[in-house]
């Protein structure tokens, strides 16, 4: 089983350190590196920033937080990382398929958002690489709450 936590880190194009989710101690923007490629085969994930704290539109930000929060059992597609230039869901957006059950939260697969409607991702180009992470649900909930508490935009 993997671990998830909130750490303070400085993404490449951020001007200051900020809270980010980390898998096994590695910031998510580094953990997905070499896993997600655009249609031209480029990997720009190391330049992305956390969606929950960087989305400019308040509705998109609220929805990104709600989709990530493990309040119900089942599957969701949650935005994780966005382009720091546009700060919206129209640019590069890394998403995760999140499966929640009574004991675990699984990040089953990662991909690039292709389309969204009103802040909800409706189409994804999933990575062909099988990189998944499984977390204890209680630990995930704590990391989520820490991320939210430490995030200045929330």
N, C-alpha and C. Protein backbone atom coordinates (compact mmCIF):
# COMPACT_ATOMS: atom_id res chain seq x y z
N UNK A 1 0.84 -1.17 0.00
CA UNK A 1 0.00 0.00 0.00
C UNK A 1 0.89 1.24 0.00
N UNK A 2 0.45 2.26 -0.71
CA UNK A 2 1.19 3.52 -0.78
C UNK A 2 0.81 4.42 0.38
N UNK A 3 1.62 5.46 0.58
CA UNK A 3 1.28 6.49 1.56
C UNK A 3 0.95 7.78 0.82
N UNK A 4 0.08 8.56 1.41
CA UNK A 4 -0.24 9.88 0.86
C UNK A 4 -0.16 10.89 1.99
N UNK A 5 0.36 12.05 1.66
CA UNK A 5 0.51 13.11 2.66
C UNK A 5 0.47 14.45 1.95
N UNK A 6 0.39 15.49 2.74
CA UNK A 6 0.53 16.84 2.22
C UNK A 6 1.90 17.34 2.65
N UNK A 7 2.66 17.80 1.68
CA UNK A 7 3.98 18.35 1.98
C UNK A 7 4.05 19.77 1.43
N UNK A 8 5.06 20.49 1.85
CA UNK A 8 5.30 21.82 1.31
C UNK A 8 6.41 21.68 0.27
N UNK A 9 6.11 22.13 -0.95
CA UNK A 9 7.05 21.97 -2.06
C UNK A 9 6.91 23.17 -2.99
N UNK A 10 7.86 23.33 -3.87
CA UNK A 10 7.82 24.43 -4.84
C UNK A 10 7.79 23.86 -6.25
N UNK A 11 6.59 23.80 -6.86
CA UNK A 11 6.53 23.38 -8.26
C UNK A 11 7.40 24.29 -9.13
N UNK A 12 7.82 23.78 -10.27
CA UNK A 12 8.78 24.47 -11.13
C UNK A 12 8.43 25.93 -11.42
N UNK A 13 7.18 26.21 -11.75
CA UNK A 13 6.81 27.57 -12.14
C UNK A 13 6.08 28.34 -11.06
N UNK A 14 6.09 27.84 -9.85
CA UNK A 14 5.51 28.59 -8.73
C UNK A 14 6.57 29.52 -8.16
N UNK A 15 6.14 30.65 -7.66
CA UNK A 15 7.10 31.61 -7.10
C UNK A 15 7.44 31.31 -5.64
N UNK A 16 6.59 30.54 -4.98
CA UNK A 16 6.82 30.21 -3.57
C UNK A 16 6.48 28.75 -3.31
N UNK A 17 6.93 28.27 -2.17
CA UNK A 17 6.54 26.93 -1.75
C UNK A 17 5.06 26.93 -1.40
N UNK A 18 4.44 25.76 -1.55
CA UNK A 18 3.01 25.63 -1.29
C UNK A 18 2.66 24.18 -0.95
N UNK A 19 1.48 23.96 -0.39
CA UNK A 19 1.09 22.58 -0.09
C UNK A 19 0.79 21.81 -1.37
N UNK A 20 1.26 20.57 -1.40
CA UNK A 20 0.97 19.66 -2.51
C UNK A 20 0.77 18.27 -1.94
N UNK A 21 -0.03 17.47 -2.62
CA UNK A 21 -0.16 16.07 -2.23
C UNK A 21 1.09 15.32 -2.68
N UNK A 22 1.49 14.35 -1.87
CA UNK A 22 2.67 13.55 -2.19
C UNK A 22 2.34 12.07 -2.03
N UNK A 23 2.80 11.27 -2.97
CA UNK A 23 2.66 9.82 -2.92
C UNK A 23 4.00 9.25 -2.52
N UNK A 24 4.02 8.51 -1.44
CA UNK A 24 5.27 7.94 -0.92
C UNK A 24 6.35 9.01 -0.77
N UNK A 25 5.94 10.21 -0.36
CA UNK A 25 6.87 11.31 -0.13
C UNK A 25 7.26 12.10 -1.37
N UNK A 26 6.75 11.72 -2.55
CA UNK A 26 7.10 12.38 -3.81
C UNK A 26 5.93 13.26 -4.24
N UNK A 27 6.16 14.56 -4.50
CA UNK A 27 5.07 15.42 -4.95
C UNK A 27 4.38 14.82 -6.18
N UNK A 28 3.06 14.95 -6.24
CA UNK A 28 2.29 14.36 -7.34
C UNK A 28 2.82 14.80 -8.69
N UNK A 29 3.19 16.08 -8.82
CA UNK A 29 3.67 16.57 -10.12
C UNK A 29 4.97 15.87 -10.55
N UNK A 30 5.74 15.34 -9.60
CA UNK A 30 6.92 14.55 -9.95
C UNK A 30 6.57 13.08 -10.11
N UNK A 31 5.63 12.60 -9.32
CA UNK A 31 5.25 11.19 -9.34
C UNK A 31 4.67 10.78 -10.70
N UNK A 32 3.93 11.69 -11.35
CA UNK A 32 3.33 11.35 -12.65
C UNK A 32 4.26 11.62 -13.83
N UNK A 33 5.44 12.18 -13.55
CA UNK A 33 6.39 12.44 -14.64
C UNK A 33 6.71 11.14 -15.37
N UNK A 34 6.79 11.21 -16.66
CA UNK A 34 7.04 10.06 -17.55
C UNK A 34 5.88 9.07 -17.56
N UNK A 35 4.70 9.52 -17.14
CA UNK A 35 3.51 8.68 -17.18
C UNK A 35 2.44 9.25 -18.11
N UNK A 36 2.45 10.56 -18.26
CA UNK A 36 1.41 11.25 -19.02
C UNK A 36 2.06 12.02 -20.16
N UNK A 37 1.56 11.79 -21.38
CA UNK A 37 2.12 12.44 -22.56
C UNK A 37 1.01 13.08 -23.37
N UNK A 38 1.31 14.23 -23.99
CA UNK A 38 0.31 14.86 -24.85
C UNK A 38 0.28 14.15 -26.20
N UNK A 39 -0.56 14.64 -27.10
CA UNK A 39 -0.73 13.98 -28.40
C UNK A 39 0.54 13.98 -29.24
N UNK A 40 1.50 14.85 -28.92
CA UNK A 40 2.77 14.89 -29.64
C UNK A 40 3.86 14.07 -28.94
N UNK A 41 3.51 13.40 -27.84
CA UNK A 41 4.47 12.59 -27.11
C UNK A 41 5.30 13.35 -26.10
N UNK A 42 4.93 14.59 -25.82
CA UNK A 42 5.66 15.40 -24.84
C UNK A 42 5.15 15.16 -23.43
N UNK A 43 6.05 15.22 -22.48
CA UNK A 43 5.70 15.10 -21.06
C UNK A 43 6.00 16.43 -20.38
N UNK A 44 4.95 17.19 -20.10
CA UNK A 44 5.11 18.49 -19.46
C UNK A 44 4.58 18.48 -18.02
N UNK A 45 4.41 17.30 -17.46
CA UNK A 45 3.79 17.21 -16.14
C UNK A 45 4.62 17.90 -15.06
N UNK A 46 5.93 17.94 -15.22
CA UNK A 46 6.78 18.58 -14.21
C UNK A 46 6.56 20.09 -14.13
N UNK A 47 5.87 20.65 -15.11
CA UNK A 47 5.60 22.10 -15.11
C UNK A 47 4.23 22.44 -14.52
N UNK A 48 3.46 21.43 -14.16
CA UNK A 48 2.09 21.65 -13.70
C UNK A 48 2.02 21.93 -12.20
N UNK A 49 0.88 22.46 -11.78
CA UNK A 49 0.66 22.84 -10.38
C UNK A 49 -0.66 22.23 -9.90
N UNK A 50 -0.87 22.15 -8.58
CA UNK A 50 -2.09 21.53 -8.06
C UNK A 50 -3.36 22.24 -8.53
N UNK A 51 -4.29 21.46 -9.08
CA UNK A 51 -5.54 22.02 -9.59
C UNK A 51 -6.35 22.68 -8.48
N UNK A 52 -6.43 22.05 -7.34
CA UNK A 52 -7.29 22.54 -6.27
C UNK A 52 -6.91 23.94 -5.81
N UNK A 53 -5.64 24.28 -5.88
CA UNK A 53 -5.21 25.59 -5.37
C UNK A 53 -4.90 26.61 -6.47
N UNK A 54 -4.85 26.18 -7.72
CA UNK A 54 -4.47 27.10 -8.79
C UNK A 54 -5.60 27.45 -9.75
N UNK A 55 -6.72 26.75 -9.72
CA UNK A 55 -7.80 27.07 -10.64
C UNK A 55 -8.36 28.45 -10.30
N UNK A 56 -8.41 29.31 -11.30
CA UNK A 56 -8.83 30.70 -11.12
C UNK A 56 -10.34 30.81 -10.90
N UNK A 57 -11.11 30.05 -11.65
CA UNK A 57 -12.56 30.08 -11.55
C UNK A 57 -13.01 29.42 -10.25
N UNK A 58 -13.79 30.12 -9.44
CA UNK A 58 -14.20 29.60 -8.14
C UNK A 58 -15.03 28.33 -8.26
N UNK A 59 -15.90 28.25 -9.26
CA UNK A 59 -16.71 27.05 -9.43
C UNK A 59 -15.85 25.85 -9.81
N UNK A 60 -14.89 26.06 -10.73
CA UNK A 60 -13.99 24.97 -11.11
C UNK A 60 -13.17 24.51 -9.91
N UNK A 61 -12.69 25.45 -9.12
CA UNK A 61 -11.91 25.11 -7.93
C UNK A 61 -12.75 24.33 -6.92
N UNK A 62 -13.96 24.79 -6.67
CA UNK A 62 -14.86 24.10 -5.73
C UNK A 62 -15.12 22.67 -6.19
N UNK A 63 -15.39 22.51 -7.48
CA UNK A 63 -15.68 21.18 -8.01
C UNK A 63 -14.43 20.29 -7.92
N UNK A 64 -13.26 20.85 -8.20
CA UNK A 64 -12.01 20.07 -8.10
C UNK A 64 -11.81 19.56 -6.68
N UNK A 65 -12.09 20.41 -5.68
CA UNK A 65 -12.00 19.96 -4.28
C UNK A 65 -13.02 18.87 -3.99
N UNK A 66 -14.26 19.07 -4.44
CA UNK A 66 -15.33 18.10 -4.16
C UNK A 66 -15.05 16.75 -4.80
N UNK A 67 -14.52 16.74 -6.01
CA UNK A 67 -14.24 15.48 -6.69
C UNK A 67 -13.11 14.71 -6.03
N UNK A 68 -12.17 15.42 -5.44
CA UNK A 68 -11.03 14.76 -4.79
C UNK A 68 -11.40 14.24 -3.40
N UNK A 69 -12.34 14.88 -2.74
CA UNK A 69 -12.70 14.49 -1.37
C UNK A 69 -13.40 13.13 -1.37
N UNK A 70 -12.91 12.18 -0.55
CA UNK A 70 -13.49 10.82 -0.56
C UNK A 70 -14.73 10.71 0.34
N UNK A 71 -15.79 11.43 -0.01
CA UNK A 71 -16.98 11.42 0.83
C UNK A 71 -17.91 10.24 0.57
N UNK A 72 -17.86 9.68 -0.63
CA UNK A 72 -18.76 8.58 -0.98
C UNK A 72 -17.96 7.45 -1.62
N UNK A 73 -18.45 6.23 -1.43
CA UNK A 73 -17.83 5.09 -2.11
C UNK A 73 -18.21 5.16 -3.58
N UNK A 74 -17.28 4.74 -4.44
CA UNK A 74 -17.52 4.75 -5.87
C UNK A 74 -16.35 5.37 -6.61
N UNK A 75 -16.57 5.69 -7.88
CA UNK A 75 -15.51 6.20 -8.74
C UNK A 75 -15.79 7.63 -9.17
N UNK A 76 -14.73 8.43 -9.24
CA UNK A 76 -14.80 9.78 -9.78
C UNK A 76 -13.56 10.02 -10.63
N UNK A 77 -13.63 11.04 -11.45
CA UNK A 77 -12.46 11.51 -12.18
C UNK A 77 -12.18 12.91 -11.63
N UNK A 78 -11.04 13.05 -10.96
CA UNK A 78 -10.71 14.31 -10.29
C UNK A 78 -9.51 14.98 -10.95
N UNK A 79 -9.59 16.29 -11.20
CA UNK A 79 -8.43 17.02 -11.69
C UNK A 79 -7.36 17.08 -10.59
N UNK A 80 -6.11 16.82 -10.96
CA UNK A 80 -5.00 16.88 -10.00
C UNK A 80 -4.05 18.03 -10.27
N UNK A 81 -3.70 18.21 -11.54
CA UNK A 81 -2.68 19.19 -11.91
C UNK A 81 -3.15 20.01 -13.10
N UNK A 82 -2.79 21.30 -13.10
CA UNK A 82 -3.17 22.18 -14.21
C UNK A 82 -1.98 23.01 -14.65
N UNK A 83 -2.11 23.59 -15.81
CA UNK A 83 -1.10 24.49 -16.36
C UNK A 83 -1.10 25.80 -15.56
N UNK A 84 0.06 26.26 -15.09
CA UNK A 84 0.10 27.48 -14.28
C UNK A 84 -0.12 28.77 -15.09
N UNK A 85 -0.07 28.68 -16.41
CA UNK A 85 -0.28 29.88 -17.23
C UNK A 85 -1.75 30.27 -17.29
N UNK A 86 -2.61 29.30 -17.61
CA UNK A 86 -4.03 29.60 -17.81
C UNK A 86 -4.86 29.42 -16.55
N UNK A 87 -4.44 28.54 -15.67
CA UNK A 87 -5.13 28.28 -14.40
C UNK A 87 -6.61 27.95 -14.59
N UNK A 88 -6.90 27.16 -15.63
CA UNK A 88 -8.27 26.71 -15.85
C UNK A 88 -8.26 25.31 -16.43
N UNK A 89 -9.45 24.77 -16.69
CA UNK A 89 -9.55 23.40 -17.20
C UNK A 89 -9.47 23.33 -18.71
N UNK A 90 -9.17 24.44 -19.38
CA UNK A 90 -9.06 24.44 -20.84
C UNK A 90 -7.64 24.15 -21.32
N UNK A 91 -6.68 24.21 -20.44
CA UNK A 91 -5.29 23.97 -20.80
C UNK A 91 -4.94 22.52 -20.45
N UNK A 92 -3.70 22.24 -20.17
CA UNK A 92 -3.27 20.90 -19.78
C UNK A 92 -3.80 20.58 -18.39
N UNK A 93 -4.54 19.48 -18.27
CA UNK A 93 -5.09 19.06 -16.98
C UNK A 93 -4.83 17.56 -16.80
N UNK A 94 -4.07 17.21 -15.77
CA UNK A 94 -3.87 15.80 -15.41
C UNK A 94 -4.98 15.42 -14.45
N UNK A 95 -5.65 14.31 -14.76
CA UNK A 95 -6.74 13.81 -13.92
C UNK A 95 -6.40 12.42 -13.41
N UNK A 96 -7.13 12.01 -12.39
CA UNK A 96 -6.96 10.67 -11.84
C UNK A 96 -8.34 10.03 -11.71
N UNK A 97 -8.42 8.74 -12.03
CA UNK A 97 -9.62 7.97 -11.72
C UNK A 97 -9.47 7.51 -10.28
N UNK A 98 -10.35 7.99 -9.42
CA UNK A 98 -10.27 7.72 -7.99
C UNK A 98 -11.40 6.77 -7.59
N UNK A 99 -11.02 5.63 -6.99
CA UNK A 99 -11.99 4.63 -6.54
C UNK A 99 -11.95 4.60 -5.01
N UNK A 100 -13.10 4.86 -4.40
CA UNK A 100 -13.18 4.91 -2.94
C UNK A 100 -14.03 3.75 -2.44
N UNK A 101 -13.51 3.00 -1.46
CA UNK A 101 -14.33 2.01 -0.76
C UNK A 101 -14.21 2.26 0.74
N UNK A 102 -14.72 1.36 1.54
CA UNK A 102 -14.75 1.59 2.99
C UNK A 102 -13.36 1.75 3.60
N UNK A 103 -12.37 1.05 3.06
CA UNK A 103 -11.04 1.04 3.68
C UNK A 103 -9.95 1.72 2.88
N UNK A 104 -10.15 1.88 1.58
CA UNK A 104 -9.07 2.41 0.75
C UNK A 104 -9.55 3.47 -0.23
N UNK A 105 -8.59 4.23 -0.71
CA UNK A 105 -8.77 5.13 -1.85
C UNK A 105 -7.71 4.71 -2.86
N UNK A 106 -8.17 4.37 -4.05
CA UNK A 106 -7.24 3.93 -5.09
C UNK A 106 -7.20 4.97 -6.20
N UNK A 107 -6.00 5.36 -6.57
CA UNK A 107 -5.82 6.15 -7.77
C UNK A 107 -5.47 5.14 -8.86
N UNK A 108 -6.48 4.73 -9.60
CA UNK A 108 -6.36 3.60 -10.53
C UNK A 108 -5.58 3.95 -11.78
N UNK A 109 -5.86 5.09 -12.37
CA UNK A 109 -5.14 5.47 -13.58
C UNK A 109 -5.14 6.98 -13.73
N UNK A 110 -4.17 7.44 -14.47
CA UNK A 110 -3.97 8.87 -14.69
C UNK A 110 -4.12 9.17 -16.17
N UNK A 111 -4.51 10.38 -16.48
CA UNK A 111 -4.66 10.75 -17.88
C UNK A 111 -4.74 12.25 -18.05
N UNK A 112 -4.92 12.66 -19.31
CA UNK A 112 -5.08 14.07 -19.66
C UNK A 112 -6.54 14.34 -20.00
N UNK A 113 -7.09 15.39 -19.42
CA UNK A 113 -8.45 15.79 -19.74
C UNK A 113 -8.50 16.26 -21.19
N UNK A 114 -9.51 15.78 -21.90
CA UNK A 114 -9.71 16.19 -23.28
C UNK A 114 -10.85 17.20 -23.37
N UNK A 115 -11.84 17.05 -22.49
CA UNK A 115 -12.99 17.95 -22.50
C UNK A 115 -13.59 18.02 -21.10
N UNK A 116 -14.28 19.12 -20.84
CA UNK A 116 -15.00 19.27 -19.57
C UNK A 116 -16.25 20.11 -19.82
N UNK A 117 -17.23 19.91 -18.95
CA UNK A 117 -18.45 20.72 -18.99
C UNK A 117 -18.68 21.25 -17.59
N UNK A 118 -18.70 22.56 -17.46
CA UNK A 118 -18.94 23.21 -16.17
C UNK A 118 -18.05 22.68 -15.06
N UNK A 119 -16.78 22.48 -15.34
CA UNK A 119 -15.83 22.06 -14.32
C UNK A 119 -15.74 20.57 -14.09
N UNK A 120 -16.55 19.78 -14.78
CA UNK A 120 -16.51 18.32 -14.63
C UNK A 120 -15.89 17.73 -15.90
N UNK A 121 -14.83 16.96 -15.72
CA UNK A 121 -14.14 16.34 -16.86
C UNK A 121 -15.06 15.30 -17.49
N UNK A 122 -15.25 15.41 -18.80
CA UNK A 122 -16.16 14.50 -19.50
C UNK A 122 -15.45 13.56 -20.47
N UNK A 123 -14.18 13.82 -20.77
CA UNK A 123 -13.43 12.97 -21.68
C UNK A 123 -11.96 12.99 -21.28
N UNK A 124 -11.35 11.79 -21.29
CA UNK A 124 -9.97 11.65 -20.82
C UNK A 124 -9.18 10.77 -21.79
N UNK A 125 -7.93 11.15 -22.06
CA UNK A 125 -6.99 10.27 -22.75
C UNK A 125 -6.15 9.63 -21.65
N UNK A 126 -6.47 8.37 -21.31
CA UNK A 126 -5.81 7.68 -20.21
C UNK A 126 -4.40 7.25 -20.60
N UNK A 127 -3.51 7.30 -19.63
CA UNK A 127 -2.14 6.83 -19.83
C UNK A 127 -2.18 5.32 -20.05
N UNK A 128 -1.33 4.85 -20.94
CA UNK A 128 -1.24 3.41 -21.16
C UNK A 128 -0.37 2.73 -20.12
N UNK A 129 0.36 3.51 -19.36
CA UNK A 129 1.23 2.96 -18.32
C UNK A 129 0.39 2.65 -17.08
N UNK A 130 0.70 1.55 -16.45
CA UNK A 130 -0.08 1.08 -15.30
C UNK A 130 0.52 1.56 -13.99
N UNK A 131 0.48 2.84 -13.75
CA UNK A 131 0.96 3.35 -12.47
C UNK A 131 -0.25 3.70 -11.62
N UNK A 132 -0.45 2.94 -10.57
CA UNK A 132 -1.57 3.18 -9.68
C UNK A 132 -1.06 3.31 -8.26
N UNK A 133 -1.90 3.85 -7.42
CA UNK A 133 -1.54 3.99 -6.01
C UNK A 133 -2.77 3.66 -5.17
N UNK A 134 -2.56 2.94 -4.09
CA UNK A 134 -3.65 2.58 -3.17
C UNK A 134 -3.28 3.08 -1.79
N UNK A 135 -4.22 3.82 -1.19
CA UNK A 135 -3.99 4.43 0.11
C UNK A 135 -5.01 3.95 1.13
N UNK A 136 -4.60 3.93 2.38
CA UNK A 136 -5.54 3.74 3.48
C UNK A 136 -6.49 4.94 3.47
N UNK A 137 -7.79 4.67 3.55
CA UNK A 137 -8.76 5.77 3.43
C UNK A 137 -8.59 6.81 4.54
N UNK A 138 -8.35 6.36 5.77
CA UNK A 138 -8.17 7.30 6.87
C UNK A 138 -6.97 8.21 6.62
N UNK A 139 -5.88 7.63 6.13
CA UNK A 139 -4.68 8.42 5.82
C UNK A 139 -4.97 9.41 4.69
N UNK A 140 -5.72 8.96 3.68
CA UNK A 140 -6.07 9.84 2.57
C UNK A 140 -6.92 11.01 3.06
N UNK A 141 -7.90 10.71 3.91
CA UNK A 141 -8.76 11.77 4.44
C UNK A 141 -7.95 12.80 5.21
N UNK A 142 -6.97 12.34 5.99
CA UNK A 142 -6.11 13.26 6.74
C UNK A 142 -5.28 14.12 5.78
N UNK A 143 -4.70 13.49 4.77
CA UNK A 143 -3.90 14.24 3.79
C UNK A 143 -4.76 15.27 3.07
N UNK A 144 -5.98 14.88 2.72
CA UNK A 144 -6.90 15.80 2.05
C UNK A 144 -7.21 17.00 2.94
N UNK A 145 -7.53 16.74 4.20
CA UNK A 145 -7.85 17.82 5.14
C UNK A 145 -6.64 18.73 5.37
N UNK A 146 -5.45 18.14 5.47
CA UNK A 146 -4.23 18.94 5.62
C UNK A 146 -4.01 19.82 4.39
N UNK A 147 -4.21 19.24 3.21
CA UNK A 147 -4.05 19.97 1.95
C UNK A 147 -5.01 21.17 1.91
N UNK A 148 -6.25 20.92 2.29
CA UNK A 148 -7.27 21.96 2.29
C UNK A 148 -6.94 23.05 3.32
N UNK A 149 -6.55 22.63 4.50
CA UNK A 149 -6.24 23.57 5.59
C UNK A 149 -5.04 24.46 5.25
N UNK A 150 -4.04 23.88 4.62
CA UNK A 150 -2.81 24.62 4.30
C UNK A 150 -2.89 25.44 3.01
N UNK A 151 -3.95 25.22 2.24
CA UNK A 151 -4.08 25.90 0.95
C UNK A 151 -4.62 27.31 1.13
N UNK A 152 -3.85 28.30 0.70
CA UNK A 152 -4.27 29.69 0.91
C UNK A 152 -5.51 30.09 0.13
N UNK A 153 -5.77 29.43 -0.98
CA UNK A 153 -6.90 29.84 -1.82
C UNK A 153 -8.22 29.24 -1.35
N UNK A 154 -8.15 28.30 -0.42
CA UNK A 154 -9.41 27.68 -0.01
C UNK A 154 -10.10 28.47 1.07
